[in-house]
Amino acid sequence: MPISHRKIEEGIVVEYSGELGHHEAKETMRYLENIIDLYAPRRLIFDLSKLTFMDSSGIAVVMCGYRNMRDIGASFFLKDVPPQPRKVLSAAGVDRIVRFTEGRVHNDEIAK
């Protein structure tokens, strides 16, 4: 599976690579939900730097992660979103709800 995670001082980074479409969405949502249940992190950073394609199913994955983190009073970020997925997310208005960040995430960026 093209998804992994690692603990960092600021929380959990979930890294995704490859395509995030209809076929990958359910498994990816379950992975995010399991990470959130297992660690209950204060911050989850979804690193999409190696994402090559996203369709509307990817929007559902992002919003699922966002809602689950919001429900436990925690922060959710999208990190290093490539141009094609960024267009998909922006067209759906996700960029008005979910925070996007580039490069290394610093504590002061995710303090809220």
Protein backbone atom coordinates (compact mmCIF):
# COMPACT_ATOMS: atom_id res chain seq x y z
CA MET A 1 0.00 0.00 0.00
CA PRO A 2 1.34 3.46 -0.86
CA ILE A 3 0.75 4.87 2.62
CA SER A 4 2.85 4.98 5.76
CA HIS A 5 3.14 7.03 8.91
CA ARG A 6 5.71 8.22 11.39
CA LYS A 7 5.61 9.93 14.73
CA ILE A 8 7.22 13.33 15.06
CA GLU A 9 7.35 15.78 17.94
CA GLU A 10 4.44 17.74 16.47
CA GLY A 11 2.18 14.68 16.00
CA ILE A 12 1.84 12.11 13.21
CA VAL A 13 2.85 12.46 9.58
CA VAL A 14 0.97 10.22 7.16
CA GLU A 15 2.73 9.97 3.80
CA TYR A 16 0.87 8.94 0.65
CA SER A 17 2.31 8.13 -2.77
CA GLY A 18 0.82 7.23 -6.11
CA GLU A 19 -2.80 7.72 -7.15
CA LEU A 20 -5.68 8.48 -4.80
CA GLY A 21 -8.85 7.62 -6.65
CA HIS A 22 -11.93 5.48 -6.22
CA HIS A 23 -10.01 2.22 -5.80
CA GLU A 24 -7.67 3.54 -3.11
CA ALA A 25 -10.09 5.76 -1.17
CA LYS A 26 -11.77 3.30 1.23
CA GLU A 27 -8.52 1.68 2.30
CA THR A 28 -6.89 5.08 2.78
CA MET A 29 -9.82 6.35 4.87
CA ARG A 30 -9.58 3.26 7.07
CA TYR A 31 -5.83 3.78 7.46
CA LEU A 32 -6.32 7.40 8.57
CA GLU A 33 -9.11 6.41 10.97
CA ASN A 34 -6.92 3.67 12.47
CA ILE A 35 -3.99 6.06 12.96
CA ILE A 36 -6.26 8.58 14.64
CA ASP A 37 -7.79 5.91 16.89
CA LEU A 38 -4.40 4.41 17.75
CA TYR A 39 -2.48 7.60 18.54
CA ALA A 40 -5.17 10.26 19.11
CA PRO A 41 -2.60 12.81 17.88
CA ARG A 42 -2.95 16.52 18.54
CA ARG A 43 -1.84 17.10 14.95
CA LEU A 44 -2.02 14.97 11.83
CA ILE A 45 -0.03 16.07 8.79
CA PHE A 46 -1.11 14.35 5.56
CA ASP A 47 1.98 14.58 3.31
CA LEU A 48 0.91 14.38 -0.33
CA SER A 49 4.25 15.30 -1.88
CA LYS A 50 4.44 11.96 -3.73
CA LEU A 51 0.81 11.95 -4.85
CA THR A 52 0.60 11.64 -8.64
CA PHE A 53 -3.18 11.86 -9.18
CA MET A 54 -6.32 12.62 -7.20
CA ASP A 55 -9.99 12.59 -8.15
CA SER A 56 -13.13 13.39 -6.18
CA SER A 57 -12.63 10.27 -4.06
CA GLY A 58 -9.47 11.89 -2.74
CA ILE A 59 -11.55 14.84 -1.57
CA ALA A 60 -13.63 12.42 0.50
CA VAL A 61 -10.45 10.98 2.05
CA VAL A 62 -9.15 14.42 2.99
CA MET A 63 -12.48 15.52 4.45
CA CYS A 64 -12.80 12.28 6.42
CA GLY A 65 -9.37 12.86 7.98
CA TYR A 66 -10.22 16.50 8.67
CA ARG A 67 -13.57 15.66 10.33
CA ASN A 68 -12.09 12.88 12.46
CA MET A 69 -9.35 15.17 13.73
CA ARG A 70 -11.77 18.06 14.30
CA ASP A 71 -14.04 15.73 16.28
CA ILE A 72 -11.24 15.02 18.77
CA GLY A 73 -10.25 18.69 18.95
CA ALA A 74 -7.06 18.23 16.98
CA SER A 75 -5.45 19.82 13.89
CA PHE A 76 -5.24 18.40 10.36
CA PHE A 77 -2.92 19.70 7.63
CA LEU A 78 -2.18 18.86 4.01
CA LYS A 79 1.53 19.11 3.26
CA ASP A 80 3.24 19.65 -0.10
CA VAL A 81 0.21 19.11 -2.31
CA PRO A 82 1.23 18.75 -5.99
CA PRO A 83 -0.46 20.94 -8.67
CA GLN A 84 -3.06 18.46 -10.01
CA PRO A 85 -4.41 17.40 -6.59
CA ARG A 86 -4.29 21.04 -5.43
CA LYS A 87 -6.56 22.02 -8.36
CA VAL A 88 -9.02 19.26 -7.46
CA LEU A 89 -9.06 20.25 -3.78
CA SER A 90 -9.29 23.97 -4.52
CA ALA A 91 -12.14 23.48 -7.02
CA ALA A 92 -14.09 21.72 -4.26
CA GLY A 93 -13.32 24.49 -1.75
CA VAL A 94 -11.25 22.25 0.51
CA ASP A 95 -8.54 24.92 0.70
CA ARG A 96 -11.03 27.13 2.59
CA ILE A 97 -11.49 24.44 5.26
CA VAL A 98 -8.24 22.49 5.55
CA ARG A 99 -4.85 24.14 6.10
CA PHE A 100 -2.19 23.59 3.44
CA THR A 101 1.50 23.86 4.29
CA GLU A 102 4.74 23.52 2.34
CA GLY A 103 8.13 22.17 3.36
CA ARG A 104 8.99 21.32 6.93
CA VAL A 105 6.16 21.90 9.36
CA HIS A 106 7.23 23.98 12.35
CA ASN A 107 5.57 24.08 15.76
CA ASP A 108 4.58 27.73 15.36
CA GLU A 109 2.69 26.90 12.12
CA ILE A 110 0.58 24.24 13.82
CA ALA A 111 0.13 25.81 17.23
CA LYS A 112 -3.61 26.22 16.87
